[in-house]
Amino acid sequence: MNDAPERRSSSDDTREHILAAAALVFGERGFAGGTTDAIAKTAGVSQAYVVRLFGSKQELFLAVIERAYARITDTFRDGIAHFDGTEDIVSRTDALGEAYVTLIKDRGILLSLMHAFTLGHDAHVGPVVRQRFLEIYRVVRDEAGVDADTATRFMASGMFINTLMALRMADVVDAEPDARELLTCVWGDSTEAVVALTANAPTAPESVRR
């Protein structure tokens, strides 16, 4: 009886480990290119175990998307929890923006969402992505306490950050002055920290990225 919580914790840890690996693979290769075999290799488990745990590639992809959105909403809510009521709108969105930057260290989260956005037409993925996107909008608008225009601009900035991540723009800041200028306009004094986070972010193994 005393062992049950430990077993449950171990199972949860394994599930999270596989989801993190799947986010990397789907982030690198998309839904069509990502395979349960590549995900299993990245996670260091058998393909049969991945299928047994999640059922199908589509269900695994949906779990990855749900995890990504949960991370974003949790990150925003953690930032909002530190508001003391004296912040103006700019301070509130700046705080959320700083919180969002911390997610850059997990490339899988942001890049898997980029692929999910292209599947808005899909009968299974589309409804999930739309509802979760609207949930984030409501968190920014209602829980952070900003108006609709501000929330929309903030969401647009987040999408632009995702695009820069997908382009790996931080990789060329030393060779391309315009790339550095672009990133500095987005992140200001935090640019070097963001570049370092991007450089150190884990990626899928080379063997499964081909």
N, C-alpha and C. Protein backbone atom coordinates (compact mmCIF):
# COMPACT_ATOMS: atom_id res chain seq x y z
N MET A 1 0.83 -1.21 0.00
CA MET A 1 0.00 0.00 0.00
C MET A 1 0.87 1.26 0.00
N ASN A 2 1.95 1.22 0.77
CA ASN A 2 2.83 2.38 0.82
C ASN A 2 3.59 2.61 -0.47
N ASP A 3 3.69 1.55 -1.31
CA ASP A 3 4.45 1.67 -2.55
C ASP A 3 3.64 2.32 -3.67
N ALA A 4 2.30 2.37 -3.52
CA ALA A 4 1.44 2.85 -4.60
C ALA A 4 1.78 4.27 -5.03
N PRO A 5 1.93 5.22 -4.08
CA PRO A 5 2.26 6.59 -4.52
C PRO A 5 3.57 6.65 -5.28
N GLU A 6 4.57 5.84 -4.88
CA GLU A 6 5.84 5.84 -5.58
C GLU A 6 5.69 5.32 -7.00
N ARG A 7 4.89 4.25 -7.15
CA ARG A 7 4.67 3.71 -8.49
C ARG A 7 3.95 4.73 -9.36
N ARG A 8 2.96 5.40 -8.76
CA ARG A 8 2.22 6.40 -9.52
C ARG A 8 3.14 7.55 -9.92
N SER A 9 4.01 7.97 -9.02
CA SER A 9 4.95 9.04 -9.32
C SER A 9 5.90 8.63 -10.43
N SER A 10 6.38 7.40 -10.38
CA SER A 10 7.28 6.90 -11.41
C SER A 10 6.59 6.88 -12.77
N SER A 11 5.33 6.46 -12.78
CA SER A 11 4.56 6.42 -14.02
C SER A 11 4.35 7.82 -14.57
N ASP A 12 4.04 8.76 -13.68
CA ASP A 12 3.86 10.15 -14.10
C ASP A 12 5.15 10.73 -14.67
N ASP A 13 6.26 10.41 -14.02
CA ASP A 13 7.56 10.89 -14.49
C ASP A 13 7.88 10.35 -15.87
N THR A 14 7.58 9.06 -16.08
CA THR A 14 7.83 8.44 -17.38
C THR A 14 6.96 9.07 -18.46
N ARG A 15 5.71 9.32 -18.13
CA ARG A 15 4.80 9.95 -19.08
C ARG A 15 5.29 11.35 -19.45
N GLU A 16 5.72 12.11 -18.46
CA GLU A 16 6.24 13.44 -18.71
C GLU A 16 7.51 13.39 -19.56
N HIS A 17 8.36 12.40 -19.29
CA HIS A 17 9.60 12.24 -20.05
C HIS A 17 9.29 11.96 -21.52
N ILE A 18 8.30 11.12 -21.77
CA ILE A 18 7.92 10.80 -23.14
C ILE A 18 7.28 12.01 -23.82
N LEU A 19 6.46 12.75 -23.09
CA LEU A 19 5.84 13.95 -23.66
C LEU A 19 6.89 15.00 -24.02
N ALA A 20 7.90 15.14 -23.17
CA ALA A 20 8.98 16.09 -23.47
C ALA A 20 9.74 15.66 -24.73
N ALA A 21 9.99 14.36 -24.85
CA ALA A 21 10.67 13.83 -26.04
C ALA A 21 9.80 14.02 -27.27
N ALA A 22 8.50 13.76 -27.13
CA ALA A 22 7.58 13.91 -28.25
C ALA A 22 7.49 15.36 -28.70
N ALA A 23 7.53 16.28 -27.74
CA ALA A 23 7.48 17.71 -28.08
C ALA A 23 8.70 18.10 -28.92
N LEU A 24 9.86 17.56 -28.57
CA LEU A 24 11.07 17.84 -29.34
C LEU A 24 10.96 17.29 -30.76
N VAL A 25 10.50 16.05 -30.87
CA VAL A 25 10.40 15.40 -32.18
C VAL A 25 9.35 16.08 -33.05
N PHE A 26 8.16 16.30 -32.49
CA PHE A 26 7.12 16.99 -33.26
C PHE A 26 7.55 18.42 -33.58
N GLY A 27 8.26 19.06 -32.66
CA GLY A 27 8.75 20.41 -32.91
C GLY A 27 9.73 20.47 -34.06
N GLU A 28 10.56 19.43 -34.19
CA GLU A 28 11.55 19.38 -35.27
C GLU A 28 10.95 18.90 -36.58
N ARG A 29 10.03 17.93 -36.50
CA ARG A 29 9.57 17.25 -37.72
C ARG A 29 8.10 17.42 -38.03
N GLY A 30 7.35 18.04 -37.14
CA GLY A 30 5.93 18.19 -37.38
C GLY A 30 5.16 16.92 -37.08
N PHE A 31 3.83 17.02 -37.21
CA PHE A 31 3.01 15.84 -36.92
C PHE A 31 3.24 14.75 -37.95
N ALA A 32 3.27 15.12 -39.22
CA ALA A 32 3.43 14.11 -40.28
C ALA A 32 4.79 13.44 -40.21
N GLY A 33 5.84 14.22 -39.93
CA GLY A 33 7.19 13.66 -39.93
C GLY A 33 7.60 13.00 -38.63
N GLY A 34 6.95 13.38 -37.54
CA GLY A 34 7.28 12.78 -36.25
C GLY A 34 6.68 11.38 -36.14
N THR A 35 7.46 10.42 -35.74
CA THR A 35 6.99 9.04 -35.62
C THR A 35 7.11 8.58 -34.18
N THR A 36 6.29 7.60 -33.82
CA THR A 36 6.39 7.04 -32.47
C THR A 36 7.74 6.35 -32.28
N ASP A 37 8.32 5.86 -33.36
CA ASP A 37 9.64 5.23 -33.26
C ASP A 37 10.69 6.27 -32.89
N ALA A 38 10.67 7.43 -33.57
CA ALA A 38 11.63 8.49 -33.27
C ALA A 38 11.43 9.02 -31.85
N ILE A 39 10.18 9.13 -31.44
CA ILE A 39 9.89 9.60 -30.09
C ILE A 39 10.39 8.61 -29.05
N ALA A 40 10.18 7.32 -29.32
CA ALA A 40 10.65 6.28 -28.40
C ALA A 40 12.16 6.32 -28.27
N LYS A 41 12.86 6.49 -29.40
CA LYS A 41 14.32 6.56 -29.36
C LYS A 41 14.80 7.78 -28.58
N THR A 42 14.14 8.90 -28.78
CA THR A 42 14.51 10.11 -28.06
C THR A 42 14.28 9.96 -26.56
N ALA A 43 13.20 9.28 -26.21
CA ALA A 43 12.86 9.09 -24.79
C ALA A 43 13.62 7.94 -24.15
N GLY A 44 14.21 7.07 -25.00
CA GLY A 44 14.94 5.93 -24.46
C GLY A 44 14.04 4.82 -23.97
N VAL A 45 12.86 4.69 -24.62
CA VAL A 45 11.94 3.61 -24.27
C VAL A 45 11.56 2.88 -25.55
N SER A 46 10.79 1.82 -25.42
CA SER A 46 10.39 1.07 -26.61
C SER A 46 9.20 1.74 -27.29
N GLN A 47 9.11 1.55 -28.60
CA GLN A 47 7.97 2.09 -29.34
C GLN A 47 6.67 1.48 -28.83
N ALA A 48 6.71 0.20 -28.50
CA ALA A 48 5.51 -0.47 -27.99
C ALA A 48 5.01 0.20 -26.71
N TYR A 49 5.94 0.63 -25.88
CA TYR A 49 5.55 1.29 -24.62
C TYR A 49 4.88 2.63 -24.89
N VAL A 50 5.40 3.37 -25.86
CA VAL A 50 4.81 4.66 -26.22
C VAL A 50 3.38 4.46 -26.71
N VAL A 51 3.19 3.48 -27.58
CA VAL A 51 1.87 3.20 -28.13
C VAL A 51 0.93 2.72 -27.03
N ARG A 52 1.43 1.89 -26.15
CA ARG A 52 0.60 1.37 -25.06
C ARG A 52 0.15 2.50 -24.13
N LEU A 53 1.03 3.47 -23.92
CA LEU A 53 0.72 4.55 -22.99
C LEU A 53 -0.22 5.59 -23.59
N PHE A 54 -0.07 5.87 -24.89
CA PHE A 54 -0.85 6.95 -25.51
C PHE A 54 -1.85 6.49 -26.55
N GLY A 55 -1.73 5.27 -27.03
CA GLY A 55 -2.71 4.72 -27.95
C GLY A 55 -2.39 4.94 -29.42
N SER A 56 -2.16 6.16 -29.82
CA SER A 56 -1.87 6.45 -31.22
C SER A 56 -1.00 7.70 -31.31
N LYS A 57 -0.42 7.94 -32.48
CA LYS A 57 0.39 9.14 -32.67
C LYS A 57 -0.46 10.39 -32.51
N GLN A 58 -1.68 10.34 -33.00
CA GLN A 58 -2.55 11.51 -32.89
C GLN A 58 -2.86 11.84 -31.43
N GLU A 59 -3.16 10.81 -30.63
CA GLU A 59 -3.44 11.04 -29.22
C GLU A 59 -2.20 11.57 -28.50
N LEU A 60 -1.04 11.09 -28.89
CA LEU A 60 0.21 11.58 -28.30
C LEU A 60 0.43 13.04 -28.68
N PHE A 61 0.17 13.38 -29.94
CA PHE A 61 0.33 14.76 -30.39
C PHE A 61 -0.61 15.68 -29.61
N LEU A 62 -1.85 15.24 -29.42
CA LEU A 62 -2.81 16.04 -28.67
C LEU A 62 -2.36 16.22 -27.22
N ALA A 63 -1.78 15.17 -26.65
CA ALA A 63 -1.27 15.27 -25.28
C ALA A 63 -0.12 16.27 -25.21
N VAL A 64 0.72 16.28 -26.24
CA VAL A 64 1.83 17.24 -26.31
C VAL A 64 1.28 18.67 -26.37
N ILE A 65 0.25 18.87 -27.16
CA ILE A 65 -0.34 20.20 -27.30
C ILE A 65 -0.99 20.64 -25.99
N GLU A 66 -1.71 19.74 -25.35
CA GLU A 66 -2.33 20.07 -24.06
C GLU A 66 -1.26 20.43 -23.04
N ARG A 67 -0.17 19.69 -23.04
CA ARG A 67 0.95 19.97 -22.12
C ARG A 67 1.54 21.34 -22.40
N ALA A 68 1.72 21.66 -23.68
CA ALA A 68 2.30 22.95 -24.05
C ALA A 68 1.42 24.11 -23.58
N TYR A 69 0.13 24.00 -23.85
CA TYR A 69 -0.77 25.07 -23.43
C TYR A 69 -0.84 25.18 -21.91
N ALA A 70 -0.80 24.04 -21.23
CA ALA A 70 -0.83 24.06 -19.76
C ALA A 70 0.40 24.77 -19.22
N ARG A 71 1.56 24.53 -19.85
CA ARG A 71 2.79 25.19 -19.41
C ARG A 71 2.67 26.72 -19.58
N ILE A 72 2.10 27.12 -20.70
CA ILE A 72 1.98 28.56 -20.96
C ILE A 72 1.01 29.21 -19.97
N THR A 73 -0.16 28.62 -19.79
CA THR A 73 -1.14 29.21 -18.86
C THR A 73 -0.61 29.19 -17.43
N ASP A 74 0.07 28.11 -17.04
CA ASP A 74 0.64 28.05 -15.69
C ASP A 74 1.71 29.12 -15.50
N THR A 75 2.54 29.31 -16.55
CA THR A 75 3.59 30.32 -16.48
C THR A 75 3.00 31.72 -16.34
N PHE A 76 1.96 32.00 -17.12
CA PHE A 76 1.31 33.31 -17.02
C PHE A 76 0.66 33.50 -15.65
N ARG A 77 -0.01 32.46 -15.18
CA ARG A 77 -0.70 32.58 -13.88
C ARG A 77 0.29 32.74 -12.73
N ASP A 78 1.44 32.11 -12.86
CA ASP A 78 2.48 32.31 -11.84
C ASP A 78 2.93 33.77 -11.82
N GLY A 79 3.06 34.36 -13.02
CA GLY A 79 3.44 35.76 -13.09
C GLY A 79 2.35 36.67 -12.54
N ILE A 80 1.10 36.37 -12.89
CA ILE A 80 -0.03 37.17 -12.42
C ILE A 80 -0.16 37.11 -10.91
N ALA A 81 0.19 35.97 -10.33
CA ALA A 81 0.08 35.80 -8.87
C ALA A 81 0.96 36.78 -8.11
N HIS A 82 1.98 37.32 -8.78
CA HIS A 82 2.88 38.27 -8.13
C HIS A 82 2.41 39.72 -8.28
N PHE A 83 1.33 39.94 -9.03
CA PHE A 83 0.80 41.30 -9.15
C PHE A 83 0.26 41.75 -7.78
N ASP A 84 0.49 43.00 -7.44
CA ASP A 84 -0.03 43.51 -6.16
C ASP A 84 -1.14 44.55 -6.35
N GLY A 85 -1.54 44.73 -7.61
CA GLY A 85 -2.64 45.64 -7.89
C GLY A 85 -2.21 47.06 -8.23
N THR A 86 -0.92 47.33 -8.11
CA THR A 86 -0.45 48.69 -8.40
C THR A 86 0.13 48.82 -9.81
N GLU A 87 0.24 47.68 -10.52
CA GLU A 87 0.88 47.70 -11.85
C GLU A 87 -0.03 48.36 -12.89
N ASP A 88 0.59 49.12 -13.79
CA ASP A 88 -0.17 49.62 -14.93
C ASP A 88 -0.17 48.55 -16.02
N ILE A 89 -0.85 48.82 -17.12
CA ILE A 89 -0.99 47.82 -18.17
C ILE A 89 0.36 47.42 -18.75
N VAL A 90 1.23 48.40 -18.97
CA VAL A 90 2.55 48.10 -19.54
C VAL A 90 3.34 47.18 -18.61
N SER A 91 3.30 47.46 -17.32
CA SER A 91 4.02 46.62 -16.36
C SER A 91 3.47 45.20 -16.36
N ARG A 92 2.17 45.07 -16.50
CA ARG A 92 1.56 43.74 -16.50
C ARG A 92 1.97 42.93 -17.72
N THR A 93 1.90 43.53 -18.88
CA THR A 93 2.28 42.79 -20.08
C THR A 93 3.78 42.54 -20.13
N ASP A 94 4.56 43.47 -19.60
CA ASP A 94 6.01 43.24 -19.54
C ASP A 94 6.32 42.03 -18.65
N ALA A 95 5.62 41.92 -17.54
CA ALA A 95 5.84 40.80 -16.63
C ALA A 95 5.46 39.48 -17.30
N LEU A 96 4.35 39.48 -18.03
CA LEU A 96 3.94 38.27 -18.74
C LEU A 96 4.94 37.94 -19.85
N GLY A 97 5.45 38.97 -20.51
CA GLY A 97 6.44 38.75 -21.56
C GLY A 97 7.71 38.13 -21.01
N GLU A 98 8.15 38.61 -19.86
CA GLU A 98 9.34 38.04 -19.23
C GLU A 98 9.10 36.59 -18.83
N ALA A 99 7.89 36.31 -18.38
CA ALA A 99 7.54 34.94 -18.01
C ALA A 99 7.55 34.04 -19.25
N TYR A 100 7.05 34.57 -20.36
CA TYR A 100 6.99 33.78 -21.60
C TYR A 100 8.38 33.43 -22.10
N VAL A 101 9.33 34.36 -21.92
CA VAL A 101 10.70 34.12 -22.37
C VAL A 101 11.29 32.89 -21.70
N THR A 102 10.89 32.61 -20.46
CA THR A 102 11.44 31.44 -19.76
C THR A 102 11.09 30.14 -20.46
N LEU A 103 10.04 30.15 -21.27
CA LEU A 103 9.64 28.94 -21.98
C LEU A 103 10.56 28.63 -23.15
N ILE A 104 11.39 29.58 -23.53
CA ILE A 104 12.29 29.38 -24.67
C ILE A 104 13.25 28.24 -24.43
N LYS A 105 13.58 27.99 -23.16
CA LYS A 105 14.51 26.90 -22.87
C LYS A 105 13.93 25.54 -23.19
N ASP A 106 12.62 25.49 -23.45
CA ASP A 106 11.98 24.24 -23.88
C ASP A 106 11.45 24.44 -25.29
N ARG A 107 12.33 24.25 -26.28
CA ARG A 107 11.96 24.48 -27.68
C ARG A 107 10.75 23.66 -28.09
N GLY A 108 10.64 22.47 -27.53
CA GLY A 108 9.55 21.59 -27.93
C GLY A 108 8.19 22.20 -27.71
N ILE A 109 8.03 22.95 -26.61
CA ILE A 109 6.75 23.55 -26.30
C ILE A 109 6.31 24.51 -27.39
N LEU A 110 7.16 25.47 -27.72
CA LEU A 110 6.78 26.50 -28.67
C LEU A 110 6.72 25.98 -30.10
N LEU A 111 7.67 25.12 -30.49
CA LEU A 111 7.70 24.66 -31.87
C LEU A 111 6.61 23.64 -32.17
N SER A 112 6.27 22.81 -31.19
CA SER A 112 5.17 21.87 -31.43
C SER A 112 3.86 22.63 -31.61
N LEU A 113 3.71 23.75 -30.91
CA LEU A 113 2.52 24.57 -31.10
C LEU A 113 2.49 25.19 -32.48
N MET A 114 3.64 25.60 -33.00
CA MET A 114 3.69 26.15 -34.35
C MET A 114 3.16 25.14 -35.36
N HIS A 115 3.54 23.89 -35.19
CA HIS A 115 3.04 22.85 -36.10
C HIS A 115 1.54 22.63 -35.88
N ALA A 116 1.11 22.71 -34.63
CA ALA A 116 -0.31 22.50 -34.34
C ALA A 116 -1.17 23.57 -35.00
N PHE A 117 -0.66 24.80 -35.06
CA PHE A 117 -1.42 25.88 -35.68
C PHE A 117 -1.72 25.60 -37.15
N THR A 118 -0.84 24.86 -37.81
CA THR A 118 -1.07 24.55 -39.23
C THR A 118 -2.12 23.46 -39.41
N LEU A 119 -2.56 22.87 -38.30
CA LEU A 119 -3.55 21.79 -38.37
C LEU A 119 -4.92 22.26 -37.90
N GLY A 120 -5.15 23.56 -38.02
CA GLY A 120 -6.45 24.09 -37.63
C GLY A 120 -7.60 23.47 -38.41
N HIS A 121 -7.30 22.95 -39.61
CA HIS A 121 -8.33 22.33 -40.44
C HIS A 121 -8.66 20.91 -39.98
N ASP A 122 -7.78 20.32 -39.16
CA ASP A 122 -7.96 18.93 -38.76
C ASP A 122 -9.12 18.80 -37.77
N ALA A 123 -9.96 17.79 -38.01
CA ALA A 123 -11.17 17.62 -37.19
C ALA A 123 -10.87 17.33 -35.73
N HIS A 124 -9.71 16.75 -35.45
CA HIS A 124 -9.36 16.39 -34.07
C HIS A 124 -8.46 17.44 -33.42
N VAL A 125 -7.48 17.90 -34.16
CA VAL A 125 -6.51 18.84 -33.61
C VAL A 125 -7.06 20.27 -33.58
N GLY A 126 -7.74 20.67 -34.64
CA GLY A 126 -8.23 22.04 -34.77
C GLY A 126 -9.02 22.54 -33.58
N PRO A 127 -10.07 21.81 -33.14
CA PRO A 127 -10.86 22.29 -32.01
C PRO A 127 -10.05 22.47 -30.73
N VAL A 128 -9.12 21.56 -30.49
CA VAL A 128 -8.28 21.65 -29.29
C VAL A 128 -7.40 22.89 -29.34
N VAL A 129 -6.74 23.10 -30.48
CA VAL A 129 -5.83 24.24 -30.62
C VAL A 129 -6.59 25.56 -30.49
N ARG A 130 -7.75 25.64 -31.12
CA ARG A 130 -8.54 26.88 -31.04
C ARG A 130 -8.98 27.18 -29.61
N GLN A 131 -9.52 26.18 -28.93
CA GLN A 131 -10.00 26.40 -27.58
C GLN A 131 -8.87 26.78 -26.62
N ARG A 132 -7.73 26.13 -26.76
CA ARG A 132 -6.61 26.44 -25.86
C ARG A 132 -6.03 27.83 -26.17
N PHE A 133 -6.00 28.19 -27.45
CA PHE A 133 -5.52 29.52 -27.82
C PHE A 133 -6.41 30.59 -27.20
N LEU A 134 -7.73 30.37 -27.28
CA LEU A 134 -8.67 31.31 -26.69
C LEU A 134 -8.54 31.34 -25.17
N GLU A 135 -8.20 30.20 -24.59
CA GLU A 135 -8.01 30.17 -23.14
C GLU A 135 -6.85 31.07 -22.72
N ILE A 136 -5.76 31.00 -23.48
CA ILE A 136 -4.61 31.87 -23.18
C ILE A 136 -5.01 33.34 -23.33
N TYR A 137 -5.77 33.63 -24.39
CA TYR A 137 -6.24 35.01 -24.60
C TYR A 137 -7.05 35.48 -23.39
N ARG A 138 -7.91 34.61 -22.87
CA ARG A 138 -8.74 34.99 -21.71
C ARG A 138 -7.89 35.18 -20.46
N VAL A 139 -6.87 34.35 -20.31
CA VAL A 139 -5.97 34.52 -19.16
C VAL A 139 -5.30 35.89 -19.22
N VAL A 140 -4.80 36.24 -20.40
CA VAL A 140 -4.12 37.53 -20.56
C VAL A 140 -5.10 38.68 -20.36
N ARG A 141 -6.26 38.59 -20.99
CA ARG A 141 -7.23 39.69 -20.92
C ARG A 141 -7.88 39.80 -19.54
N ASP A 142 -8.40 38.69 -19.04
CA ASP A 142 -9.21 38.73 -17.82
C ASP A 142 -8.40 38.61 -16.54
N GLU A 143 -7.48 37.65 -16.50
CA GLU A 143 -6.75 37.42 -15.26
C GLU A 143 -5.61 38.43 -15.07
N ALA A 144 -4.98 38.83 -16.18
CA ALA A 144 -3.95 39.87 -16.07
C ALA A 144 -4.58 41.26 -16.00
N GLY A 145 -5.85 41.34 -16.40
CA GLY A 145 -6.58 42.59 -16.27
C GLY A 145 -6.20 43.65 -17.28
N VAL A 146 -6.11 43.26 -18.56
CA VAL A 146 -5.82 44.24 -19.61
C VAL A 146 -6.99 44.26 -20.59
N ASP A 147 -7.05 45.30 -21.41
CA ASP A 147 -8.14 45.40 -22.38
C ASP A 147 -7.89 44.49 -23.57
N ALA A 148 -8.91 44.32 -24.40
CA ALA A 148 -8.83 43.40 -25.54
C ALA A 148 -7.74 43.78 -26.52
N ASP A 149 -7.59 45.08 -26.80
CA ASP A 149 -6.55 45.52 -27.74
C ASP A 149 -5.16 45.18 -27.23
N THR A 150 -4.92 45.40 -25.95
CA THR A 150 -3.61 45.10 -25.36
C THR A 150 -3.36 43.60 -25.37
N ALA A 151 -4.38 42.82 -25.02
CA ALA A 151 -4.24 41.37 -25.02
C ALA A 151 -3.94 40.85 -26.43
N THR A 152 -4.58 41.45 -27.42
CA THR A 152 -4.36 41.03 -28.81
C THR A 152 -2.94 41.34 -29.25
N ARG A 153 -2.45 42.52 -28.92
CA ARG A 153 -1.08 42.88 -29.28
C ARG A 153 -0.07 41.98 -28.56
N PHE A 154 -0.37 41.65 -27.33
CA PHE A 154 0.52 40.76 -26.58
C PHE A 154 0.56 39.38 -27.23
N MET A 155 -0.60 38.87 -27.63
CA MET A 155 -0.65 37.56 -28.29
C MET A 155 0.11 37.61 -29.61
N ALA A 156 -0.02 38.72 -30.34
CA ALA A 156 0.69 38.86 -31.61
C ALA A 156 2.20 38.84 -31.38
N SER A 157 2.66 39.49 -30.32
CA SER A 157 4.09 39.47 -30.00
C SER A 157 4.55 38.06 -29.68
N GLY A 158 3.71 37.31 -28.97
CA GLY A 158 4.05 35.93 -28.66
C GLY A 158 4.19 35.08 -29.91
N MET A 159 3.30 35.29 -30.87
CA MET A 159 3.39 34.55 -32.12
C MET A 159 4.65 34.93 -32.89
N PHE A 160 5.04 36.20 -32.82
CA PHE A 160 6.27 36.64 -33.48
C PHE A 160 7.48 35.99 -32.83
N ILE A 161 7.47 35.88 -31.50
CA ILE A 161 8.56 35.20 -30.80
C ILE A 161 8.64 33.75 -31.23
N ASN A 162 7.48 33.10 -31.35
CA ASN A 162 7.46 31.70 -31.82
C ASN A 162 8.09 31.58 -33.20
N THR A 163 7.79 32.55 -34.07
CA THR A 163 8.34 32.53 -35.42
C THR A 163 9.86 32.68 -35.39
N LEU A 164 10.36 33.59 -34.56
CA LEU A 164 11.81 33.76 -34.43
C LEU A 164 12.46 32.48 -33.91
N MET A 165 11.77 31.80 -33.00
CA MET A 165 12.29 30.53 -32.49
C MET A 165 12.35 29.50 -33.60
N ALA A 166 11.27 29.40 -34.38
CA ALA A 166 11.22 28.42 -35.47
C ALA A 166 12.31 28.70 -36.50
N LEU A 167 12.59 29.96 -36.73
CA LEU A 167 13.63 30.35 -37.69
C LEU A 167 15.04 30.17 -37.13
N ARG A 168 15.14 29.93 -35.84
CA ARG A 168 16.44 29.87 -35.15
C ARG A 168 17.25 31.15 -35.43
N MET A 169 16.56 32.26 -35.37
CA MET A 169 17.20 33.55 -35.66
C MET A 169 18.34 33.85 -34.70
N ALA A 170 18.22 33.36 -33.47
CA ALA A 170 19.28 33.61 -32.49
C ALA A 170 20.60 32.96 -32.88
N ASP A 171 20.53 31.95 -33.76
CA ASP A 171 21.76 31.26 -34.18
C ASP A 171 22.67 32.14 -35.03
N VAL A 172 22.10 33.19 -35.64
CA VAL A 172 22.89 33.98 -36.60
C VAL A 172 23.13 35.42 -36.15
N VAL A 173 22.92 35.70 -34.86
CA VAL A 173 23.06 37.09 -34.41
C VAL A 173 24.49 37.61 -34.55
N ASP A 174 25.48 36.73 -34.48
CA ASP A 174 26.86 37.19 -34.61
C ASP A 174 27.24 37.45 -36.06
N ALA A 175 26.63 36.70 -36.98
CA ALA A 175 26.95 36.84 -38.40
C ALA A 175 26.04 37.85 -39.10
N GLU A 176 24.85 38.06 -38.57
CA GLU A 176 23.87 38.94 -39.21
C GLU A 176 23.48 40.09 -38.27
N PRO A 177 24.04 41.27 -38.47
CA PRO A 177 23.69 42.42 -37.61
C PRO A 177 22.19 42.71 -37.59
N ASP A 178 21.52 42.50 -38.72
CA ASP A 178 20.08 42.77 -38.77
C ASP A 178 19.31 41.79 -37.89
N ALA A 179 19.81 40.57 -37.77
CA ALA A 179 19.17 39.59 -36.90
C ALA A 179 19.29 40.04 -35.44
N ARG A 180 20.47 40.53 -35.09
CA ARG A 180 20.66 41.03 -33.72
C ARG A 180 19.77 42.25 -33.47
N GLU A 181 19.68 43.13 -34.46
CA GLU A 181 18.82 44.31 -34.32
C GLU A 181 17.38 43.90 -34.11
N LEU A 182 16.93 42.91 -34.88
CA LEU A 182 15.56 42.43 -34.78
C LEU A 182 15.28 41.86 -33.40
N LEU A 183 16.18 41.01 -32.93
CA LEU A 183 15.99 40.41 -31.61
C LEU A 183 16.07 41.44 -30.49
N THR A 184 16.94 42.44 -30.66
CA THR A 184 17.06 43.48 -29.65
C THR A 184 15.79 44.32 -29.57
N CYS A 185 15.15 44.54 -30.71
CA CYS A 185 13.87 45.27 -30.72
C CYS A 185 12.79 44.50 -29.96
N VAL A 186 12.90 43.18 -29.99
CA VAL A 186 11.91 42.34 -29.31
C VAL A 186 12.23 42.21 -27.83
N TRP A 187 13.49 41.93 -27.50
CA TRP A 187 13.86 41.57 -26.13
C TRP A 187 14.68 42.61 -25.38
N GLY A 188 15.14 43.63 -26.05
CA GLY A 188 15.86 44.69 -25.37
C GLY A 188 17.08 44.19 -24.62
N ASP A 189 17.18 44.57 -23.34
CA ASP A 189 18.34 44.21 -22.53
C ASP A 189 18.43 42.72 -22.26
N SER A 190 17.36 41.99 -22.52
CA SER A 190 17.35 40.54 -22.26
C SER A 190 17.84 39.73 -23.46
N THR A 191 18.25 40.41 -24.53
CA THR A 191 18.61 39.72 -25.77
C THR A 191 19.69 38.66 -25.56
N GLU A 192 20.77 39.02 -24.90
CA GLU A 192 21.87 38.07 -24.72
C GLU A 192 21.42 36.86 -23.91
N ALA A 193 20.60 37.09 -22.90
CA ALA A 193 20.10 35.98 -22.09
C ALA A 193 19.22 35.06 -22.93
N VAL A 194 18.40 35.65 -23.81
CA VAL A 194 17.54 34.86 -24.67
C VAL A 194 18.36 34.05 -25.67
N VAL A 195 19.39 34.67 -26.24
CA VAL A 195 20.28 33.97 -27.17
C VAL A 195 20.94 32.78 -26.48
N ALA A 196 21.37 32.98 -25.24
CA ALA A 196 22.00 31.90 -24.48
C ALA A 196 21.00 30.79 -24.20
N LEU A 197 19.77 31.15 -23.83
CA LEU A 197 18.74 30.15 -23.58
C LEU A 197 18.47 29.32 -24.83
N THR A 198 18.41 30.00 -25.97
CA THR A 198 18.15 29.32 -27.24
C THR A 198 19.28 28.37 -27.59
N ALA A 199 20.51 28.82 -27.38
CA ALA A 199 21.67 27.99 -27.71
C ALA A 199 21.73 26.73 -26.85
N ASN A 200 21.26 26.85 -25.61
CA ASN A 200 21.34 25.73 -24.68
C ASN A 200 20.07 24.88 -24.65
N ALA A 201 19.07 25.28 -25.43
CA ALA A 201 17.81 24.53 -25.42
C ALA A 201 18.02 23.15 -26.03
N PRO A 202 17.44 22.11 -25.42
CA PRO A 202 17.61 20.76 -25.96
C PRO A 202 16.91 20.60 -27.30
N THR A 203 17.46 19.75 -28.14
CA THR A 203 16.86 19.43 -29.43
C THR A 203 16.77 17.92 -29.56
N ALA A 204 16.00 17.48 -30.53
CA ALA A 204 15.91 16.04 -30.78
C ALA A 204 17.26 15.54 -31.28
N PRO A 205 17.61 14.29 -30.98
CA PRO A 205 18.88 13.73 -31.46
C PRO A 205 18.99 13.84 -32.98
N GLU A 206 20.20 14.02 -33.47
CA GLU A 206 20.43 14.16 -34.91
C GLU A 206 19.87 12.98 -35.68
N SER A 207 19.93 11.79 -35.08
CA SER A 207 19.49 10.57 -35.77
C SER A 207 18.00 10.58 -36.09
N VAL A 208 17.20 11.35 -35.32
CA VAL A 208 15.77 11.38 -35.58
C VAL A 208 15.34 12.69 -36.23
N ARG A 209 16.29 13.57 -36.53
CA ARG A 209 15.96 14.85 -37.15
C ARG A 209 16.09 14.80 -38.66
N ARG A 210 16.62 13.70 -39.18
CA ARG A 210 16.83 13.61 -40.63
C ARG A 210 15.54 13.25 -41.34
